[in-house]
Structure formats: structure tokens, C-alpha cells
C-alpha atoms as a PDB file:
ATOM      1  CA  MET A   1      22.976 190.114   3.319  1.00  0.00           C
ATOM      2  CA  THR A   2      19.835 189.936   3.533  1.00  0.00           C
ATOM      3  CA  ILE A   3      17.387 192.425   5.429  1.00  0.00           C
ATOM      4  CA  PHE A   4      14.436 190.132   7.097  1.00  0.00           C
ATOM      5  CA  TYR A   5      11.359 191.031   9.039  1.00  0.00           C
ATOM      6  CA  GLU A   6       8.074 190.674  10.105  1.00  0.00           C
ATOM      7  CA  PRO A   7       6.342 194.146   9.179  1.00  0.00           C
ATOM      8  CA  ARG A   8       3.130 193.839  12.432  1.00  0.00           C
ATOM      9  CA  LEU A   9       6.963 194.391  14.471  1.00  0.00           C
ATOM     10  CA  GLY A  10       8.433 197.157  12.024  1.00  0.00           C
ATOM     11  CA  HIS A  11      10.426 197.416  10.231  1.00  0.00           C
ATOM     12  CA  GLY A  12      12.741 199.901  12.015  1.00  0.00           C
ATOM     13  CA  LEU A  13      13.839 201.544   8.609  1.00  0.00           C
ATOM     14  CA  PRO A  14      13.077 205.329   7.429  1.00  0.00           C
ATOM     15  CA  HIS A  15      10.253 205.104   5.197  1.00  0.00           C
ATOM     16  CA  ASP A  16       8.251 201.836   4.926  1.00  0.00           C
ATOM     17  CA  PRO A  17       9.724 200.220   1.804  1.00  0.00           C
ATOM     18  CA  PHE A  18       6.503 197.698   1.313  1.00  0.00           C
ATOM     19  CA  ASN A  19       4.508 200.255  -1.115  1.00  0.00           C
ATOM     20  CA  ALA A  20       7.993 200.839  -2.723  1.00  0.00           C
ATOM     21  CA  ILE A  21       8.437 197.178  -3.923  1.00  0.00           C
ATOM     22  CA  VAL A  22       5.268 197.355  -5.277  1.00  0.00           C
ATOM     23  CA  GLY A  23       5.360 199.894  -7.034  1.00  0.00           C
ATOM     24  CA  PRO A  24       5.440 202.393  -9.335  1.00  0.00           C
ATOM     25  CA  ARG A  25       1.817 201.507  -9.135  1.00  0.00           C
ATOM     26  CA  PRO A  26      -1.305 203.514 -11.632  1.00  0.00           C
ATOM     27  CA  ILE A  27      -2.577 206.050  -9.765  1.00  0.00           C
ATOM     28  CA  GLY A  28      -6.749 205.794  -9.298  1.00  0.00           C
ATOM     29  CA  TRP A  29      -7.433 209.830  -9.439  1.00  0.00           C
ATOM     30  CA  ILE A  30     -11.169 208.976  -8.640  1.00  0.00           C
ATOM     31  CA  SER A  31     -13.879 211.675  -8.468  1.00  0.00           C
ATOM     32  CA  THR A  32     -17.324 211.075  -6.625  1.00  0.00           C
ATOM     33  CA  VAL A  33     -20.859 212.768  -5.926  1.00  0.00           C
ATOM     34  CA  SER A  34     -22.405 211.895  -2.707  1.00  0.00           C
ATOM     35  CA  ALA A  35     -25.887 211.528  -2.661  1.00  0.00           C
ATOM     36  CA  SER A  36     -26.713 215.996  -1.639  1.00  0.00           C
ATOM     37  CA  GLY A  37     -24.487 216.472  -5.046  1.00  0.00           C
ATOM     38  CA  ILE A  38     -21.770 217.428  -3.330  1.00  0.00           C
ATOM     39  CA  LEU A  39     -18.686 216.626  -5.477  1.00  0.00           C
ATOM     40  CA  ASN A  40     -15.389 215.071  -4.406  1.00  0.00           C
ATOM     41  CA  LEU A  41     -12.032 214.056  -6.414  1.00  0.00           C
ATOM     42  CA  ALA A  42      -9.723 212.430  -5.029  1.00  0.00           C
ATOM     43  CA  PRO A  43      -6.116 210.339  -6.277  1.00  0.00           C
ATOM     44  CA  TYR A  44      -5.804 207.054  -4.376  1.00  0.00           C
ATOM     45  CA  SER A  45      -2.019 205.199  -4.609  1.00  0.00           C
ATOM     46  CA  PHE A  46      -3.702 201.702  -4.772  1.00  0.00           C
ATOM     47  CA  PHE A  47      -5.607 200.881  -7.407  1.00  0.00           C
ATOM     48  CA  ASN A  48      -4.863 198.416 -10.557  1.00  0.00           C
ATOM     49  CA  ALA A  49      -7.676 197.094 -12.999  1.00  0.00           C
ATOM     50  CA  PHE A  50      -8.240 193.576 -11.962  1.00  0.00           C
ATOM     51  CA  ASN A  51     -10.486 192.096 -14.840  1.00  0.00           C
ATOM     52  CA  TYR A  52     -11.215 192.647 -18.690  1.00  0.00           C
ATOM     53  CA  VAL A  53     -14.501 191.180 -19.188  1.00  0.00           C
ATOM     54  CA  PRO A  54     -16.747 192.674 -18.446  1.00  0.00           C
ATOM     55  CA  PRO A  55     -13.444 195.560 -17.165  1.00  0.00           C
ATOM     56  CA  ILE A  56     -13.520 195.473 -13.548  1.00  0.00           C
ATOM     57  CA  VAL A  57     -10.806 198.220 -11.482  1.00  0.00           C
ATOM     58  CA  GLY A  58     -10.515 199.090  -8.030  1.00  0.00           C
ATOM     59  CA  PHE A  59      -9.445 201.466  -5.936  1.00  0.00           C
ATOM     60  CA  SER A  60      -8.334 200.870  -2.172  1.00  0.00           C
ATOM     61  CA  SER A  61      -9.948 203.485   0.728  1.00  0.00           C
ATOM     62  CA  VAL A  62      -7.130 203.288   3.761  1.00  0.00           C
ATOM     63  CA  GLY A  63      -9.857 204.763   6.053  1.00  0.00           C
ATOM     64  CA  ALA A  64     -13.234 205.794   5.130  1.00  0.00           C
ATOM     65  CA  LYS A  65     -12.784 208.542   2.967  1.00  0.00           C
ATOM     66  CA  ASP A  66     -15.700 210.807   1.435  1.00  0.00           C
ATOM     67  CA  SER A  67     -14.495 209.167  -2.126  1.00  0.00           C
ATOM     68  CA  LEU A  68     -15.946 205.492  -0.196  1.00  0.00           C
ATOM     69  CA  ARG A  69     -19.266 206.967   1.184  1.00  0.00           C
ATOM     70  CA  ASN A  70     -19.860 208.613  -2.210  1.00  0.00           C
ATOM     71  CA  VAL A  71     -19.977 205.893  -4.403  1.00  0.00           C
ATOM     72  CA  GLN A  72     -21.381 203.575  -1.222  1.00  0.00           C
ATOM     73  CA  GLU A  73     -24.345 206.138  -0.686  1.00  0.00           C
ATOM     74  CA  THR A  74     -24.839 206.223  -5.123  1.00  0.00           C
ATOM     75  CA  GLY A  75     -22.692 203.288  -6.521  1.00  0.00           C
ATOM     76  CA  GLU A  76     -20.625 204.853  -9.113  1.00  0.00           C
ATOM     77  CA  PHE A  77     -17.169 206.410  -9.657  1.00  0.00           C
ATOM     78  CA  VAL A  78     -15.444 207.684 -12.357  1.00  0.00           C
ATOM     79  CA  TRP A  79     -10.681 207.401 -13.276  1.00  0.00           C
ATOM     80  CA  ASN A  80      -9.642 209.838 -14.684  1.00  0.00           C
ATOM     81  CA  LEU A  81      -6.076 209.153 -15.731  1.00  0.00           C
ATOM     82  CA  VAL A  82      -3.259 211.334 -14.554  1.00  0.00           C
ATOM     83  CA  THR A  83      -0.842 212.508 -17.282  1.00  0.00           C
ATOM     84  CA  ARG A  84       1.634 214.254 -16.142  1.00  0.00           C
ATOM     85  CA  PRO A  85       1.379 217.974 -17.346  1.00  0.00           C
ATOM     86  CA  LEU A  86      -1.726 217.296 -15.060  1.00  0.00           C
ATOM     87  CA  ALA A  87       0.189 216.362 -11.731  1.00  0.00           C
ATOM     88  CA  ASP A  88       0.761 219.777  -9.728  1.00  0.00           C
ATOM     89  CA  ALA A  89      -3.550 219.528 -10.217  1.00  0.00           C
ATOM     90  CA  MET A  90      -3.411 216.312  -8.496  1.00  0.00           C
ATOM     91  CA  ASN A  91      -1.011 216.508  -6.029  1.00  0.00           C
ATOM     92  CA  GLN A  92      -3.865 219.512  -4.785  1.00  0.00           C
ATOM     93  CA  THR A  93      -7.036 217.374  -4.894  1.00  0.00           C
ATOM     94  CA  CYS A  94      -4.690 215.343  -2.110  1.00  0.00           C
ATOM     95  CA  ALA A  95      -5.576 218.051   0.120  1.00  0.00           C
ATOM     96  CA  ALA A  96      -7.544 216.871   3.810  1.00  0.00           C
ATOM     97  CA  VAL A  97     -10.447 219.456   3.142  1.00  0.00           C
ATOM     98  CA  ALA A  98     -13.720 218.736   4.903  1.00  0.00           C
ATOM     99  CA  PRO A  99     -15.936 216.774   2.603  1.00  0.00           C
ATOM    100  CA  ASP A 100     -18.306 219.887   1.591  1.00  0.00           C
ATOM    101  CA  ILE A 101     -15.189 221.576  -0.300  1.00  0.00           C
ATOM    102  CA  ASN A 102     -14.675 220.498  -3.790  1.00  0.00           C
ATOM    103  CA  GLU A 103     -11.628 218.783  -4.868  1.00  0.00           C
ATOM    104  CA  PHE A 104     -12.603 220.525  -8.356  1.00  0.00           C
ATOM    105  CA  GLU A 105     -13.152 223.813  -7.840  1.00  0.00           C
ATOM    106  CA  LEU A 106      -9.211 223.466  -5.475  1.00  0.00           C
ATOM    107  CA  ALA A 107      -7.084 222.555  -7.760  1.00  0.00           C
ATOM    108  CA  ASN A 108      -8.463 224.643 -10.690  1.00  0.00           C
ATOM    109  CA  LEU A 109      -9.850 221.449 -13.137  1.00  0.00           C
ATOM    110  CA  THR A 110     -13.218 221.929 -14.993  1.00  0.00           C
ATOM    111  CA  PRO A 111     -16.475 219.068 -14.177  1.00  0.00           C
ATOM    112  CA  GLN A 112     -17.377 217.641 -17.652  1.00  0.00           C
ATOM    113  CA  ALA A 113     -21.300 215.294 -17.145  1.00  0.00           C
ATOM    114  CA  CYS A 114     -20.623 211.755 -18.800  1.00  0.00           C
ATOM    115  CA  ASN A 115     -22.518 208.920 -20.598  1.00  0.00           C
ATOM    116  CA  ILE A 116     -23.894 206.847 -18.742  1.00  0.00           C
ATOM    117  CA  VAL A 117     -23.156 207.793 -14.966  1.00  0.00           C
ATOM    118  CA  ARG A 118     -24.602 210.639 -12.973  1.00  0.00           C
ATOM    119  CA  VAL A 119     -20.112 211.494 -11.582  1.00  0.00           C
ATOM    120  CA  PRO A 120     -19.183 214.115 -13.978  1.00  0.00           C
ATOM    121  CA  ARG A 121     -15.565 213.043 -15.358  1.00  0.00           C
ATOM    122  CA  VAL A 122     -12.448 215.573 -15.382  1.00  0.00           C
ATOM    123  CA  LEU A 123     -12.517 217.168 -18.453  1.00  0.00           C
ATOM    124  CA  GLU A 124      -8.271 217.942 -18.723  1.00  0.00           C
ATOM    125  CA  SER A 125      -7.773 214.143 -18.389  1.00  0.00           C
ATOM    126  CA  PRO A 126      -7.242 212.712 -22.024  1.00  0.00           C
ATOM    127  CA  VAL A 127      -8.561 208.940 -20.709  1.00  0.00           C
ATOM    128  CA  ALA A 128     -12.294 208.758 -17.799  1.00  0.00           C
ATOM    129  CA  PHE A 129     -13.368 205.400 -16.938  1.00  0.00           C
ATOM    130  CA  GLU A 130     -17.092 204.976 -16.027  1.00  0.00           C
ATOM    131  CA  CYS A 131     -17.667 202.581 -13.874  1.00  0.00           C
ATOM    132  CA  ARG A 132     -20.722 201.511 -11.275  1.00  0.00           C
ATOM    133  CA  CYS A 133     -19.706 199.733  -8.102  1.00  0.00           C
ATOM    134  CA  THR A 134     -19.984 196.585  -8.009  1.00  0.00           C
ATOM    135  CA  GLN A 135     -18.604 195.534  -4.761  1.00  0.00           C
ATOM    136  CA  ILE A 136     -17.780 196.507  -1.889  1.00  0.00           C
ATOM    137  CA  VAL A 137     -14.853 194.384   0.619  1.00  0.00           C
ATOM    138  CA  GLN A 138     -13.460 195.788   4.213  1.00  0.00           C
ATOM    139  CA  LEU A 139     -10.578 193.315   4.356  1.00  0.00           C
ATOM    140  CA  GLU A 140      -9.339 191.057   6.284  1.00  0.00           C
ATOM    141  CA  ARG A 141      -6.211 190.347   8.323  1.00  0.00           C
ATOM    142  CA  HIS A 142      -5.016 186.452   7.530  1.00  0.00           C
ATOM    143  CA  ASP A 143      -6.405 185.931  11.709  1.00  0.00           C
ATOM    144  CA  HIS A 144      -9.741 187.459  10.342  1.00  0.00           C
ATOM    145  CA  GLN A 145      -9.577 191.332  11.977  1.00  0.00           C
ATOM    146  CA  LYS A 146     -11.015 193.107   9.934  1.00  0.00           C
ATOM    147  CA  VAL A 147      -9.369 196.497   8.978  1.00  0.00           C
ATOM    148  CA  GLU A 148      -9.831 199.719   8.350  1.00  0.00           C
ATOM    149  CA  ALA A 149      -9.091 199.853   4.796  1.00  0.00           C
ATOM    150  CA  TRP A 150     -11.731 199.129   1.870  1.00  0.00           C
ATOM    151  CA  LEU A 151     -12.008 197.934  -1.984  1.00  0.00           C
ATOM    152  CA  VAL A 152     -13.828 199.793  -4.251  1.00  0.00           C
ATOM    153  CA  LEU A 153     -14.616 197.725  -7.531  1.00  0.00           C
ATOM    154  CA  GLY A 154     -16.565 198.788 -10.077  1.00  0.00           C
ATOM    155  CA  GLU A 155     -17.190 197.440 -13.796  1.00  0.00           C
ATOM    156  CA  VAL A 156     -16.599 199.992 -16.640  1.00  0.00           C
ATOM    157  CA  VAL A 157     -19.065 201.034 -18.312  1.00  0.00           C
ATOM    158  CA  GLY A 158     -17.563 203.787 -20.757  1.00  0.00           C
ATOM    159  CA  VAL A 159     -14.797 204.976 -22.493  1.00  0.00           C
ATOM    160  CA  HIS A 160     -13.653 208.656 -22.439  1.00  0.00           C
ATOM    161  CA  LEU A 161     -10.492 207.594 -24.923  1.00  0.00           C
ATOM    162  CA  ASP A 162      -8.923 211.280 -26.142  1.00  0.00           C
ATOM    163  CA  GLU A 163      -7.821 209.398 -30.302  1.00  0.00           C
ATOM    164  CA  HIS A 164      -4.173 212.082 -30.431  1.00  0.00           C
ATOM    165  CA  LEU A 165      -3.901 208.958 -28.205  1.00  0.00           C
ATOM    166  CA  LEU A 166      -4.178 206.357 -30.410  1.00  0.00           C
ATOM    167  CA  LYS A 167      -1.429 205.058 -32.663  1.00  0.00           C
ATOM    168  CA  ASP A 168      -2.729 203.447 -36.078  1.00  0.00           C
ATOM    169  CA  GLY A 169      -5.555 202.574 -33.569  1.00  0.00           C
ATOM    170  CA  VAL A 170      -3.422 201.040 -30.936  1.00  0.00           C
ATOM    171  CA  TYR A 171      -3.097 202.586 -28.307  1.00  0.00           C
ATOM    172  CA  ASP A 172       0.602 204.450 -27.498  1.00  0.00           C
ATOM    173  CA  THR A 173       0.488 204.021 -22.896  1.00  0.00           C
ATOM    174  CA  ALA A 174       4.410 204.324 -23.765  1.00  0.00           C
ATOM    175  CA  ASN A 175       3.237 208.169 -25.044  1.00  0.00           C
ATOM    176  CA  ALA A 176       0.334 209.093 -23.066  1.00  0.00           C
ATOM    177  CA  GLN A 177       2.400 211.283 -20.211  1.00  0.00           C
ATOM    178  CA  HIS A 178       1.379 208.693 -17.362  1.00  0.00           C
ATOM    179  CA  ILE A 179       2.226 209.249 -13.899  1.00  0.00           C
ATOM    180  CA  MET A 180       2.540 206.410 -11.461  1.00  0.00           C
ATOM    181  CA  ARG A 181       2.913 206.316  -7.444  1.00  0.00           C
ATOM    182  CA  GLY A 182       6.510 206.298  -6.554  1.00  0.00           C
ATOM    183  CA  GLY A 183       6.798 205.032  -2.318  1.00  0.00           C
ATOM    184  CA  GLY A 184       8.883 207.576  -1.088  1.00  0.00           C
ATOM    185  CA  PRO A 185       7.010 210.377   1.235  1.00  0.00           C
ATOM    186  CA  ALA A 186       6.444 212.942  -2.799  1.00  0.00           C
ATOM    187  CA  ASP A 187       8.329 209.907  -5.545  1.00  0.00           C
ATOM    188  CA  TYR A 188       6.625 210.076  -8.253  1.00  0.00           C
ATOM    189  CA  PHE A 189       7.670 207.985 -11.694  1.00  0.00           C
ATOM    190  CA  SER A 190       6.949 208.314 -15.373  1.00  0.00           C
ATOM    191  CA  ILE A 191       5.839 206.793 -18.276  1.00  0.00           C
ATOM    192  CA  GLY A 192       8.495 207.305 -21.661  1.00  0.00           C
ATOM    193  CA  PRO A 193       9.594 205.528 -24.787  1.00  0.00           C
ATOM    194  CA  GLU A 194      13.292 204.382 -23.442  1.00  0.00           C
ATOM    195  CA  GLN A 195      11.097 202.745 -20.512  1.00  0.00           C
ATOM    196  CA  LEU A 196       9.406 200.841 -23.849  1.00  0.00           C
ATOM    197  CA  PHE A 197      11.113 196.865 -25.066  1.00  0.00           C
ATOM    198  CA  ARG A 198       8.322 193.909 -26.234  1.00  0.00           C
ATOM    199  CA  MET A 199       8.510 190.692 -25.003  1.00  0.00           C
ATOM    200  CA  SER A 200       5.714 188.337 -26.658  1.00  0.00           C
ATOM    201  CA  ARG A 201       4.033 185.133 -24.831  1.00  0.00           C
ATOM    202  CA  PRO A 202       5.735 182.120 -25.735  1.00  0.00           C
ATOM    203  CA  LYS A 203       3.800 179.915 -27.411  1.00  0.00           C
ATOM    204  CA  ILE A 204       4.420 176.116 -27.243  1.00  0.00           C
ATOM    205  CA  SER A 205       2.871 173.415 -28.546  1.00  0.00           C
ATOM    206  CA  LEU A 206       2.650 169.762 -26.686  1.00  0.00           C
END
């Protein structure tokens, strides 16, 4: 038997299955700074990469949160990779705190100056993308009614990469200890070599 529901009418389930189905998802651990110099660090469960050349990444702010406002003010942000050893610290930065609270201090993390953008990266994270905002798009329903969510896109202008994550010059995703967001209230997933399989693209001669 298949369940069918229209999201606008509700699902009638204990927890909305949408983000559990579209998952696990990379975590957008986004550091920003306000125009007045206040640091912010927050994780976003709607995050991904959208283009190769130039590399473009983006996160969605459901509600007008500090990260969105800071990017609107400065045009810059940094994405920091969340690994299994950093899971607890990342979770600390989920806390709903006042805009003047520095989440780096809250989670005992070290802000490290970047090479191009003015926003600091998380020193403890093995990978960081320095980004300059390219677009901020307020999302809409199919009838063009505005939704209280904003997609923030940025071009990656600088990459910090711990060389221990390279294996024969290739980034070793399987052993980098990425964690990803699941759909339940507290569900996360880790990635390891046991999940790795390879499948080459088909070569078709016409």
C-alpha cells in the first residue's frame, strides 16, 4: 500500500517525512560576520553544491536568520566541513541565541582568518570554502507567493584543505569522517569506507 498526501493539507504522520526522504544531506556549517564585526557560526541542513566552474555552493535560510542578514550586509560567507569529531561542537552552534552571541566561543572553536574574505573559518575543520555571495533568492510557491526562506548562493573563491585528506592526490571522502543530516528530529549519518562503491559512467558509441 502507498500513502499519498498533499503537503499543503498536512501529512498526518508523527514527523514530516520530507527531509528524511531527501537525505542524508550535507551540512552547511556557515560562518559569517556582521557589518559591525560580530561573528556568527550556524549549521544549515539545506546545503549543497550547484556548479563546477566556477564552483558555487548554497544554503537555504528558513526564516531571516543572522547568517542571511550578515551575508546581505557583507556579501561573504565561509562553509566549514563538519566531521564526526566536530559533531558536538556543531550541535552547540545550533543553539538559538541572541545575535550578539559569538558561537565560536559558545562551542570552544577557533576563528581563523581567511586568505581572501573577511569572514573567519573554523580552524578545527579540515576543509573550508571561502565564498563571495552571487545571489540571494527568496523562494516562492508555484503561484509565486513568497515563502519565508532564502537561498544564498556563493562562488567559492578560496579552498582550505588539510592534506591528510588526500590519497594519491585525490580527496578521500570515504575516510574524511563527513557527517550528514537526516530527517528525524535528531538524526545524523556518518560516512565511511564501508559505504563506498564505484560505478563508472557508461561509454556509448553512436
